[in-house]
Amino acid sequence: MRGAGDQRRRGRGAQAAAGAIEAREAASTAFYDMDQAQKFIDGRVTVFEDLDAKAAEPVRREFTGLAESADAAAHAYITVLDAHDLDDQDRSPAEYDAARRAFVASTERLQQLTRNLNGFAERLSQRMSRLEAALDQLPPRLTAARDSVIAADAAVAAAREAGMDASDPEAELARAKEILAQLSSQGLGGFGLDGAMRKADEVREIAERAREAAAELPQMAQKVRNSLASVRTRVDVVANRVGPVREAMRVLLRGYSQACWQDLKGAPESIEAAATRARERLNEASAHTARAEWKQAQQALTAARTELNAADRRAGQVTGRVEELKAVAADPAAPAERVQFTVRDAQRLAMAQPGGPAPQHVRVLDSLVERLENAPKRLTGAHPDYWAYLQELESIKTAAGDVVTRIRAERAG
C-alpha cells in the first residue's frame, strides 16, 4: 500500500510533464511561424530582385543575415526536441522541468527571430508596394510592343510580296523580336522593372521604324524612278555649263590679273570630271533599280547629286566672278560706297551708347575708316587686282558688322 508521499510525487511528476508538453507545443508553434515567415520573405525578396536587381542587393544581404540566424535557431530547436523525448513516460519531475526550460528558451529565440523577420517584411512591403504599382504599367507597354511587332511583320511581308528588297526593315524587326523574346522570359528578361519598361518602349519604337520603312518602300521605288529621270536631265545641264565656264575663264585670263582667277584655275576640267562621276553613279542607280534595291539606288543618286552640286557651285564661282569683276571695273566706287554706309551705321550706333562710345569700338571703327580710304589704292596698273579690292571691302564690312553685334550684346547685358 502506497503512502501520501508517493501520491505527491506522482502529482508533481504529472504537473511537470504537462508543463514540459505545453512548452514543447509552444516551441513547435514558434518554429512553424518562423519557418513560414522566412519562406514568405525569401519569395518576396526574389520578386524584388526581379523588379529592381540593384536596389535588391542590400535587401538580399540583410535577409541573408536574418535567414542564417533563423536557420541556427531552427537547428537549436531540433536539437532540443531530440534531447527531450517527452513521449518517454519514465522521466523524473526534474527532467520534465529541464525540458520545459529548454523549450521555453527555444520558443523565446524563435519568436524574437520571427519578430525580426516580420519587421524586415514590413520595411520591404513599403518598397514593394511602390514597385508593384509601377508594375501595373508594364503589361500595356508590352501589349503595345507586341502589337507594333505584329504590324511591322505584316508591313515587311507585304513589301516582300510586292517584290521589294525589305532586308533593312526586316533586320530592324528581327532586333525588336529578339528583345521582346528576352522580355517574355522569366524574371523580366533580367532587365528589372525599369529596364523592362524601357526595353518594351524600345521594341515598340524599333518595330514602328521597321513598319514605316517597309511601308515607304513602294513610295521609295517611285521616288527613285522619278529621281533617275531628273538627275539624268541635270547631268546634261551641268555638262553643258562646261562651255560657258571655259569662255568665262578666257575672259578672266585675258582681262584681269592672275590674282583674280588663280583660285578658279582648272574649273572647266573639274566640272567635266564631276559630270562624268555623276553619270557613273547614275548608272549604278539604274542597276540597283533593276534589282529592286531601292535603298542602294537612292544612295547612288545622292552621290550623283553631290557631284552635280559641287560642279554647279564651281561653275557659279567662275561666272559670278566675271560678273563681279566687270561691275567693279565699270564703277570701282560703288562697292566702296555700300561698305561706307555699313561703317557709318556702326559709328552712329557707337556714338549713341549711354555715356558715349566705348574706346575699343572707336579704335576699331577708326581703323576701318582708314582701311576703306586706302582700299582704292589697290587698283593700280594695267590690270588692277579687283578681286583683292572686293575682298578687302568685304573684310571691312564684316568687321563693322562685328562691332555692331558687340555693342548690341553689351547693351543687352
Protein backbone atom coordinates (compact mmCIF):
# COMPACT_ATOMS: atom_id res chain seq x y z
CA MET A 1 0.00 0.00 0.00
CA ARG A 2 1.42 3.42 -1.17
CA GLY A 3 1.52 6.38 1.12
CA ALA A 4 0.73 10.03 0.75
CA GLY A 5 4.32 10.81 -0.28
CA ASP A 6 4.03 8.65 -3.37
CA GLN A 7 0.83 10.42 -4.41
CA ARG A 8 2.51 13.84 -4.03
CA ARG A 9 5.46 12.71 -6.17
CA ARG A 10 3.09 11.42 -8.83
CA GLY A 11 1.21 14.73 -8.73
CA ARG A 12 4.42 16.75 -9.14
CA GLY A 13 5.54 14.46 -11.99
CA ALA A 14 2.24 14.84 -13.86
CA GLN A 15 2.31 18.61 -13.40
CA ALA A 16 5.94 18.81 -14.60
CA ALA A 17 5.13 16.61 -17.60
CA ALA A 18 2.15 18.80 -18.53
CA GLY A 19 4.29 21.95 -18.28
CA ALA A 20 7.00 20.41 -20.46
CA ILE A 21 4.49 19.26 -23.09
CA GLU A 22 2.87 22.70 -23.13
CA ALA A 23 6.28 24.31 -23.60
CA ARG A 24 7.09 21.87 -26.41
CA GLU A 25 3.84 22.76 -28.23
CA ALA A 26 4.59 26.47 -27.86
CA ALA A 27 8.08 25.92 -29.30
CA SER A 28 6.60 23.93 -32.18
CA THR A 29 4.19 26.76 -32.98
CA ALA A 30 7.00 29.33 -32.76
CA PHE A 31 9.15 27.20 -35.08
CA TYR A 32 6.32 26.92 -37.62
CA ASP A 33 5.62 30.66 -37.52
CA MET A 34 9.30 31.49 -38.03
CA ASP A 35 9.69 28.96 -40.84
CA GLN A 36 6.63 30.31 -42.70
CA ALA A 37 7.79 33.93 -42.29
CA GLN A 38 11.24 33.02 -43.59
CA LYS A 39 9.88 31.22 -46.67
CA PHE A 40 7.42 34.03 -47.46
CA ILE A 41 10.05 36.76 -47.18
CA ASP A 42 12.51 34.77 -49.26
CA GLY A 43 9.93 34.70 -52.05
CA ARG A 44 9.27 38.45 -51.74
CA VAL A 45 12.99 39.24 -51.88
CA THR A 46 13.27 37.12 -55.03
CA VAL A 47 10.45 39.11 -56.61
CA PHE A 48 12.15 42.32 -55.52
CA GLU A 49 15.34 41.16 -57.24
CA ASP A 50 13.42 40.59 -60.45
CA LEU A 51 11.86 44.03 -60.28
CA ASP A 52 14.97 46.00 -59.28
CA ALA A 53 18.16 43.94 -59.00
CA LYS A 54 20.41 46.84 -57.98
CA ALA A 55 18.14 48.08 -55.19
CA ALA A 56 17.65 44.48 -54.03
CA GLU A 57 21.34 43.84 -53.35
CA PRO A 58 21.43 45.35 -49.80
CA VAL A 59 17.98 43.86 -49.13
CA ARG A 60 19.23 40.40 -50.03
CA ARG A 61 22.30 40.85 -47.82
CA GLU A 62 20.17 41.87 -44.84
CA PHE A 63 17.78 38.98 -45.38
CA THR A 64 20.67 36.52 -45.70
CA GLY A 65 21.85 37.54 -42.22
CA LEU A 66 18.35 37.05 -40.80
CA ALA A 67 17.97 33.73 -42.58
CA GLU A 68 21.26 32.45 -41.16
CA SER A 69 20.10 33.35 -37.64
CA ALA A 70 16.74 31.67 -38.32
CA ASP A 71 18.47 28.51 -39.57
CA ALA A 72 20.65 28.43 -36.46
CA ALA A 73 17.58 28.84 -34.24
CA ALA A 74 15.77 26.08 -36.13
CA HIS A 75 18.75 23.76 -35.71
CA ALA A 76 18.87 24.55 -31.97
CA TYR A 77 15.14 23.85 -31.66
CA ILE A 78 15.51 20.45 -33.35
CA THR A 79 18.45 19.65 -31.05
CA VAL A 80 16.28 20.45 -28.00
CA LEU A 81 13.46 18.34 -29.43
CA ASP A 82 15.77 15.36 -29.93
CA ALA A 83 17.28 15.77 -26.46
CA HIS A 84 13.93 15.76 -24.64
CA ASP A 85 11.69 12.90 -25.71
CA LEU A 86 8.54 13.64 -23.71
CA ASP A 87 6.85 10.54 -25.03
CA ASP A 88 9.12 8.57 -22.70
CA GLN A 89 6.98 8.23 -19.53
CA ASP A 90 9.90 7.16 -17.34
CA ARG A 91 11.11 10.67 -16.52
CA SER A 92 11.55 12.45 -13.22
CA PRO A 93 9.96 15.85 -12.43
CA ALA A 94 13.44 17.39 -12.62
CA GLU A 95 13.90 16.10 -16.18
CA TYR A 96 10.50 17.47 -17.20
CA ASP A 97 11.43 20.85 -15.69
CA ALA A 98 14.71 20.87 -17.61
CA ALA A 99 12.84 20.05 -20.84
CA ARG A 100 10.32 22.81 -20.17
CA ARG A 101 13.05 25.39 -19.61
CA ALA A 102 14.86 24.31 -22.80
CA PHE A 103 11.66 24.57 -24.85
CA VAL A 104 10.78 27.97 -23.34
CA ALA A 105 14.23 29.31 -24.22
CA SER A 106 13.93 27.94 -27.74
CA THR A 107 10.46 29.49 -28.08
CA GLU A 108 11.69 32.90 -26.99
CA ARG A 109 14.55 32.75 -29.50
CA LEU A 110 12.26 31.61 -32.33
CA GLN A 111 9.67 34.29 -31.52
CA GLN A 112 12.34 37.02 -31.44
CA LEU A 113 13.61 35.96 -34.86
CA THR A 114 10.03 35.90 -36.17
CA ARG A 115 9.60 39.48 -34.95
CA ASN A 116 12.83 40.43 -36.69
CA LEU A 117 11.65 38.78 -39.90
CA ASN A 118 8.25 40.46 -39.71
CA GLY A 119 9.88 43.86 -39.15
CA PHE A 120 12.06 43.26 -42.19
CA ALA A 121 8.96 42.20 -44.17
CA GLU A 122 7.14 45.39 -43.19
CA ARG A 123 10.02 47.56 -44.40
CA LEU A 124 10.23 45.53 -47.59
CA SER A 125 6.49 45.78 -48.23
CA GLN A 126 6.69 49.59 -48.39
CA ARG A 127 9.26 49.39 -51.16
CA MET A 128 7.47 46.53 -52.87
CA SER A 129 4.17 48.40 -52.95
CA ARG A 130 5.77 51.20 -55.00
CA LEU A 131 7.35 48.72 -57.38
CA GLU A 132 4.16 46.72 -57.76
CA ALA A 133 2.22 49.90 -58.52
CA ALA A 134 4.76 50.66 -61.24
CA LEU A 135 4.50 47.05 -62.39
CA ASP A 136 0.93 47.78 -63.49
CA GLN A 137 2.39 49.97 -66.24
CA LEU A 138 4.38 47.11 -67.79
CA PRO A 139 1.56 44.98 -69.32
CA PRO A 140 0.15 47.78 -71.52
CA ARG A 141 3.64 48.64 -72.69
CA LEU A 142 4.32 45.02 -73.54
CA THR A 143 1.00 44.86 -75.39
CA ALA A 144 1.90 47.96 -77.40
CA ALA A 145 5.31 46.44 -78.19
CA ARG A 146 3.76 43.16 -79.38
CA ASP A 147 1.16 45.00 -81.47
CA SER A 148 3.91 47.06 -83.11
CA VAL A 149 5.89 43.92 -83.92
CA ILE A 150 2.81 42.31 -85.47
CA ALA A 151 2.13 45.42 -87.59
CA ALA A 152 5.76 45.60 -88.70
CA ASP A 153 5.72 41.90 -89.58
CA ALA A 154 2.72 42.45 -91.82
CA ALA A 155 4.29 45.51 -93.49
CA VAL A 156 7.54 43.66 -94.22
CA ALA A 157 5.65 40.67 -95.64
CA ALA A 158 3.58 42.98 -97.86
CA ALA A 159 6.73 44.70 -99.14
CA ARG A 160 8.34 41.36 -100.00
CA GLU A 161 5.20 40.16 -101.77
CA ALA A 162 5.34 43.35 -103.86
CA GLY A 163 8.89 42.45 -104.96
CA MET A 164 10.65 44.98 -102.74
CA ASP A 165 14.02 44.47 -101.04
CA ALA A 166 12.88 44.65 -97.40
CA SER A 167 16.15 43.42 -95.85
CA ASP A 168 16.74 46.60 -93.82
CA PRO A 169 13.32 46.80 -92.14
CA GLU A 170 13.43 43.03 -91.71
CA ALA A 171 16.73 43.32 -89.83
CA GLU A 172 15.23 46.01 -87.56
CA LEU A 173 12.20 43.80 -86.96
CA ALA A 174 14.43 40.85 -86.04
CA ARG A 175 16.14 43.02 -83.41
CA ALA A 176 12.77 44.03 -81.96
CA LYS A 177 11.66 40.38 -81.81
CA GLU A 178 14.87 39.36 -80.03
CA ILE A 179 14.39 41.95 -77.28
CA LEU A 180 10.71 41.03 -76.96
CA ALA A 181 11.65 37.37 -76.52
CA GLN A 182 14.00 38.34 -73.67
CA LEU A 183 11.24 40.38 -72.06
CA SER A 184 8.86 37.45 -72.23
CA SER A 185 11.29 35.14 -70.41
CA GLN A 186 11.24 34.52 -66.67
CA GLY A 187 12.29 37.36 -64.40
CA LEU A 188 11.58 40.24 -66.77
CA GLY A 189 14.38 39.11 -69.02
CA GLY A 190 16.95 40.15 -66.41
CA PHE A 191 16.26 43.83 -67.12
CA GLY A 192 14.47 44.73 -63.88
CA LEU A 193 11.19 46.66 -63.87
CA ASP A 194 12.57 50.00 -65.11
CA GLY A 195 14.76 48.24 -67.65
CA ALA A 196 11.87 46.07 -68.83
CA MET A 197 9.66 49.12 -69.40
CA ARG A 198 12.45 50.87 -71.29
CA LYS A 199 13.02 47.77 -73.40
CA ALA A 200 9.29 47.46 -74.11
CA ASP A 201 9.28 51.05 -75.35
CA GLU A 202 12.42 50.32 -77.38
CA VAL A 203 10.76 47.30 -79.01
CA ARG A 204 7.75 49.44 -79.94
CA GLU A 205 9.95 52.21 -81.39
CA ILE A 206 12.14 49.80 -83.38
CA ALA A 207 9.10 47.93 -84.71
CA GLU A 208 7.39 51.18 -85.70
CA ARG A 209 10.50 52.28 -87.57
CA ALA A 210 10.61 48.92 -89.35
CA ARG A 211 6.92 49.20 -90.25
CA GLU A 212 7.32 52.74 -91.56
CA ALA A 213 10.41 51.76 -93.57
CA ALA A 214 8.61 48.78 -95.09
CA ALA A 215 5.54 50.88 -95.88
CA GLU A 216 7.72 53.53 -97.54
CA LEU A 217 9.41 51.06 -99.88
CA PRO A 218 6.77 51.38 -102.65
CA GLN A 219 6.96 55.18 -102.31
CA MET A 220 10.76 54.99 -102.35
CA ALA A 221 10.60 52.92 -105.55
CA GLN A 222 8.52 55.58 -107.29
CA LYS A 223 10.71 58.35 -105.88
CA VAL A 224 13.84 56.61 -107.19
CA ARG A 225 12.31 56.19 -110.65
CA ASN A 226 11.37 59.87 -110.74
CA SER A 227 14.80 60.90 -109.47
CA LEU A 228 16.55 58.86 -112.15
CA ALA A 229 14.89 60.95 -114.85
CA SER A 230 15.52 64.29 -113.11
CA VAL A 231 19.17 63.52 -112.36
CA ARG A 232 19.79 62.43 -115.98
CA THR A 233 18.46 65.79 -117.11
CA ARG A 234 20.58 67.64 -114.58
CA VAL A 235 23.74 65.82 -115.63
CA ASP A 236 23.20 67.10 -119.17
CA VAL A 237 22.59 70.63 -117.87
CA VAL A 238 25.81 70.61 -115.82
CA ALA A 239 27.80 69.14 -118.69
CA ASN A 240 26.52 71.95 -120.92
CA ARG A 241 27.90 74.51 -118.47
CA VAL A 242 31.47 73.49 -119.28
CA GLY A 243 31.47 75.61 -122.48
CA PRO A 244 30.30 78.85 -120.82
CA VAL A 245 32.73 78.28 -117.95
CA ARG A 246 35.63 77.87 -120.39
CA GLU A 247 34.61 81.11 -122.07
CA ALA A 248 34.36 82.87 -118.70
CA MET A 249 37.85 81.65 -117.77
CA ARG A 250 39.21 83.03 -121.06
CA VAL A 251 37.67 86.40 -120.18
CA LEU A 252 39.32 86.30 -116.75
CA LEU A 253 42.70 85.30 -118.17
CA ARG A 254 42.66 88.00 -120.86
CA GLY A 255 41.18 90.90 -118.93
CA TYR A 256 42.26 90.53 -115.30
CA SER A 257 45.31 89.90 -113.18
CA GLN A 258 46.30 86.39 -112.13
CA ALA A 259 45.18 87.07 -108.56
CA CYS A 260 41.61 87.48 -109.85
CA TRP A 261 41.37 83.95 -111.28
CA GLN A 262 44.18 81.86 -109.75
CA ASP A 263 41.81 80.10 -107.31
CA LEU A 264 39.48 79.16 -110.22
CA LYS A 265 42.15 77.56 -112.37
CA GLY A 266 41.09 74.15 -113.70
CA ALA A 267 37.38 74.80 -113.07
CA PRO A 268 36.17 73.58 -116.53
CA GLU A 269 38.06 70.29 -116.14
CA SER A 270 36.76 69.73 -112.59
CA ILE A 271 33.16 70.37 -113.71
CA GLU A 272 33.60 67.95 -116.60
CA ALA A 273 35.05 65.29 -114.26
CA ALA A 274 32.19 65.79 -111.78
CA ALA A 275 29.64 65.29 -114.57
CA THR A 276 31.42 62.07 -115.58
CA ARG A 277 31.37 60.77 -111.99
CA ALA A 278 27.69 61.71 -111.69
CA ARG A 279 26.91 59.63 -114.79
CA GLU A 280 28.75 56.67 -113.25
CA ARG A 281 26.67 56.96 -110.06
CA LEU A 282 23.57 57.28 -112.20
CA ASN A 283 24.40 54.03 -113.99
CA GLU A 284 24.87 52.34 -110.60
CA ALA A 285 21.47 53.65 -109.51
CA SER A 286 19.88 52.21 -112.65
CA ALA A 287 21.45 48.80 -111.99
CA HIS A 288 20.20 48.81 -108.39
CA THR A 289 16.73 49.80 -109.60
CA ALA A 290 16.64 46.84 -111.97
CA ARG A 291 17.29 44.58 -108.95
CA ALA A 292 14.71 46.40 -106.79
CA GLU A 293 17.49 47.54 -104.45
CA TRP A 294 15.86 50.86 -103.72
CA LYS A 295 17.98 51.98 -100.80
CA GLN A 296 21.22 51.36 -102.70
CA ALA A 297 19.75 53.12 -105.74
CA GLN A 298 18.83 56.09 -103.58
CA GLN A 299 22.36 56.24 -102.14
CA ALA A 300 23.84 56.21 -105.66
CA LEU A 301 21.51 59.03 -106.69
CA THR A 302 22.51 61.04 -103.61
CA ALA A 303 26.17 60.59 -104.58
CA ALA A 304 25.37 61.76 -108.13
CA ARG A 305 23.59 64.84 -106.79
CA THR A 306 26.58 65.62 -104.55
CA GLU A 307 28.87 65.63 -107.59
CA LEU A 308 26.46 67.83 -109.54
CA ASN A 309 26.03 70.27 -106.64
CA ALA A 310 29.81 70.68 -106.40
CA ALA A 311 30.05 71.23 -110.18
CA ASP A 312 27.23 73.79 -110.06
CA ARG A 313 28.95 75.68 -107.25
CA ARG A 314 32.24 75.72 -109.17
CA ALA A 315 30.56 76.94 -112.35
CA GLY A 316 28.72 79.62 -110.39
CA GLN A 317 32.01 80.78 -108.86
CA VAL A 318 33.54 81.31 -112.30
CA THR A 319 30.60 83.05 -113.97
CA GLY A 320 29.83 85.00 -110.80
CA ARG A 321 33.45 86.16 -110.57
CA VAL A 322 33.27 87.53 -114.10
CA GLU A 323 30.10 89.48 -113.29
CA GLU A 324 31.54 90.85 -110.04
CA LEU A 325 34.79 91.94 -111.69
CA LYS A 326 33.02 93.54 -114.64
CA ALA A 327 30.81 95.51 -112.25
CA VAL A 328 33.68 96.76 -110.09
CA ALA A 329 35.80 97.60 -113.15
CA ALA A 330 32.94 99.69 -114.52
CA ASP A 331 32.39 101.54 -111.22
CA PRO A 332 35.04 100.88 -108.54
CA ALA A 333 33.48 103.41 -106.17
CA ALA A 334 30.06 101.73 -105.96
CA PRO A 335 31.02 98.77 -103.70
CA ALA A 336 33.14 101.09 -101.52
CA GLU A 337 30.15 103.38 -101.01
CA ARG A 338 27.99 100.47 -99.90
CA VAL A 339 30.59 99.43 -97.35
CA GLN A 340 30.92 103.06 -96.24
CA PHE A 341 27.22 103.07 -95.31
CA THR A 342 27.79 99.99 -93.13
CA VAL A 343 30.73 101.61 -91.33
CA ARG A 344 28.80 104.84 -90.77
CA ASP A 345 25.85 102.91 -89.30
CA ALA A 346 28.27 101.26 -86.86
CA GLN A 347 29.72 104.66 -85.96
CA ARG A 348 26.27 106.13 -85.28
CA LEU A 349 25.38 103.17 -83.06
CA ALA A 350 28.64 103.54 -81.13
CA MET A 351 28.08 107.29 -80.61
CA ALA A 352 24.55 106.62 -79.34
CA GLN A 353 25.80 104.49 -76.44
CA PRO A 354 24.88 105.83 -72.99
CA GLY A 355 27.90 107.65 -71.61
CA GLY A 356 29.49 107.98 -75.05
CA PRO A 357 31.24 105.50 -77.32
CA ALA A 358 33.48 102.82 -75.83
CA PRO A 359 37.18 103.45 -76.65
CA GLN A 360 37.73 99.97 -78.02
CA HIS A 361 34.89 100.39 -80.51
CA VAL A 362 36.17 103.80 -81.56
CA ARG A 363 39.64 102.38 -82.27
CA VAL A 364 38.26 99.56 -84.40
CA LEU A 365 35.94 101.83 -86.38
CA ASP A 366 38.67 104.43 -86.96
CA SER A 367 40.93 101.69 -88.34
CA LEU A 368 38.11 100.52 -90.64
CA VAL A 369 37.65 104.07 -91.96
CA GLU A 370 41.37 104.23 -92.69
CA ARG A 371 41.30 100.86 -94.46
CA LEU A 372 38.31 101.98 -96.50
CA GLU A 373 40.15 105.13 -97.60
CA ASN A 374 43.21 103.09 -98.60
CA ALA A 375 41.32 100.31 -100.42
CA PRO A 376 41.16 102.14 -103.81
CA LYS A 377 44.95 102.37 -103.79
CA ARG A 378 45.00 98.65 -104.62
CA LEU A 379 43.60 99.43 -108.07
CA THR A 380 46.82 100.25 -109.89
CA GLY A 381 48.49 99.09 -113.09
CA ALA A 382 47.12 97.92 -116.44
CA HIS A 383 45.28 95.01 -114.81
CA PRO A 384 44.21 96.07 -111.30
CA ASP A 385 43.59 93.35 -108.71
CA TYR A 386 39.86 93.99 -108.49
CA TRP A 387 39.34 90.72 -106.63
CA ALA A 388 41.68 91.71 -103.78
CA TYR A 389 39.89 95.06 -103.69
CA LEU A 390 36.49 93.38 -103.32
CA GLN A 391 37.81 91.01 -100.66
CA GLU A 392 39.21 93.93 -98.67
CA LEU A 393 35.85 95.70 -98.84
CA GLU A 394 34.07 92.53 -97.69
CA SER A 395 36.51 92.20 -94.78
CA ILE A 396 35.83 95.81 -93.71
CA LYS A 397 32.07 95.23 -93.93
CA THR A 398 32.31 92.06 -91.82
CA ALA A 399 34.45 93.82 -89.18
CA ALA A 400 31.94 96.70 -88.95
CA GLY A 401 29.12 94.18 -88.51
CA ASP A 402 31.08 92.52 -85.69
CA VAL A 403 31.34 95.86 -83.87
CA VAL A 404 27.57 96.36 -84.16
CA THR A 405 26.99 92.85 -82.76
CA ARG A 406 29.28 93.50 -79.77
CA ILE A 407 27.64 96.87 -79.00
CA ARG A 408 24.17 95.32 -79.02
CA ALA A 409 25.34 92.45 -76.84
CA GLU A 410 26.83 94.91 -74.32
CA ARG A 411 23.58 96.87 -74.21
CA ALA A 412 21.55 93.69 -73.70
CA GLY A 413 23.91 92.60 -70.93
